[in-house]
């Protein structure tokens, strides 16, 4: 089961990595947050899994506009049991 979860995490991280390497350098720095939205998305998927991680990343990207937030906004940590 763990292998399947890791496979899907990598599958959803791959397009974000492609964006970081191929598209982001062309657009230049424009994220208002630290860590950047793409790094936040990867961190959220790794921490929370595919579904919640994507949801957190999409919410973050949606708030990255001139009237949205800015500054340091780390991925929320999962409570360890």
Protein backbone atom coordinates (compact mmCIF):
# COMPACT_ATOMS: atom_id res chain seq x y z
CA UNK A 1 0.00 0.00 0.00
CA UNK A 2 2.84 2.36 0.85
CA UNK A 3 4.39 1.82 -2.60
CA UNK A 4 1.12 2.78 -4.29
CA UNK A 5 0.87 5.95 -2.21
CA UNK A 6 4.45 6.90 -3.05
CA UNK A 7 3.81 6.24 -6.74
CA UNK A 8 0.82 8.59 -6.78
CA UNK A 9 2.70 11.25 -4.82
CA UNK A 10 5.52 11.15 -7.38
CA UNK A 11 3.02 11.15 -10.23
CA UNK A 12 1.43 14.38 -9.00
CA UNK A 13 4.75 16.01 -8.07
CA UNK A 14 6.19 15.41 -11.56
CA UNK A 15 4.20 18.19 -13.33
CA UNK A 16 5.11 20.65 -10.56
CA UNK A 17 8.79 19.80 -11.01
CA UNK A 18 8.40 20.29 -14.76
CA UNK A 19 6.92 23.72 -14.06
CA UNK A 20 9.83 24.57 -11.76
CA UNK A 21 12.45 23.57 -14.32
CA UNK A 22 10.91 24.54 -17.67
CA UNK A 23 8.29 27.25 -17.13
CA UNK A 24 9.17 29.16 -13.96
CA UNK A 25 12.59 30.37 -15.21
CA UNK A 26 10.88 31.95 -18.23
CA UNK A 27 8.23 33.71 -16.13
CA UNK A 28 10.62 34.93 -13.48
CA UNK A 29 9.99 35.23 -9.74
CA UNK A 30 6.45 36.33 -9.03
CA UNK A 31 5.26 34.38 -5.98
CA UNK A 32 4.30 36.50 -2.98
CA UNK A 33 4.94 33.73 -0.48
CA UNK A 34 7.90 31.94 1.00
CA UNK A 35 8.18 29.03 0.22
CA UNK A 36 7.03 29.57 -3.34
CA UNK A 37 3.70 28.11 -4.40
CA UNK A 38 5.32 25.27 -6.34
CA UNK A 39 7.52 24.29 -3.37
CA UNK A 40 4.47 24.56 -1.12
CA UNK A 41 2.50 22.20 -3.41
CA UNK A 42 5.29 19.61 -3.34
CA UNK A 43 5.64 19.88 0.43
CA UNK A 44 1.89 19.58 0.94
CA UNK A 45 1.65 16.47 -1.25
CA UNK A 46 4.57 14.87 0.59
CA UNK A 47 3.15 15.75 4.03
CA UNK A 48 -0.58 15.18 3.52
CA UNK A 49 -0.85 12.86 0.53
CA UNK A 50 -2.28 13.50 -2.92
CA UNK A 51 -5.83 14.65 -2.19
CA UNK A 52 -5.34 16.97 0.77
CA UNK A 53 -1.96 18.08 -0.56
CA UNK A 54 -3.48 19.13 -3.88
CA UNK A 55 -6.29 20.91 -2.04
CA UNK A 56 -3.83 22.87 0.13
CA UNK A 57 -1.68 23.71 -2.91
CA UNK A 58 -4.64 24.89 -4.98
CA UNK A 59 -5.87 27.06 -2.09
CA UNK A 60 -2.40 28.57 -1.82
CA UNK A 61 -2.15 29.29 -5.56
CA UNK A 62 -5.62 30.85 -5.51
CA UNK A 63 -4.53 33.30 -2.81
CA UNK A 64 -1.36 34.33 -4.66
CA UNK A 65 -2.61 37.53 -6.28
CA UNK A 66 -2.00 41.24 -5.63
CA UNK A 67 -4.83 41.50 -3.08
CA UNK A 68 -4.08 38.15 -1.41
CA UNK A 69 -1.66 37.26 1.33
CA UNK A 70 2.11 37.36 1.34
CA UNK A 71 5.08 36.45 3.52
CA UNK A 72 6.16 33.24 5.19
CA UNK A 73 3.51 30.51 4.99
CA UNK A 74 4.82 26.97 5.59
CA UNK A 75 2.93 23.76 4.91
CA UNK A 76 0.94 22.77 8.01
CA UNK A 77 2.44 19.72 9.69
CA UNK A 78 0.50 16.52 10.25
CA UNK A 79 0.01 15.56 13.85
CA UNK A 80 2.17 12.51 14.52
CA UNK A 81 0.54 9.78 16.59
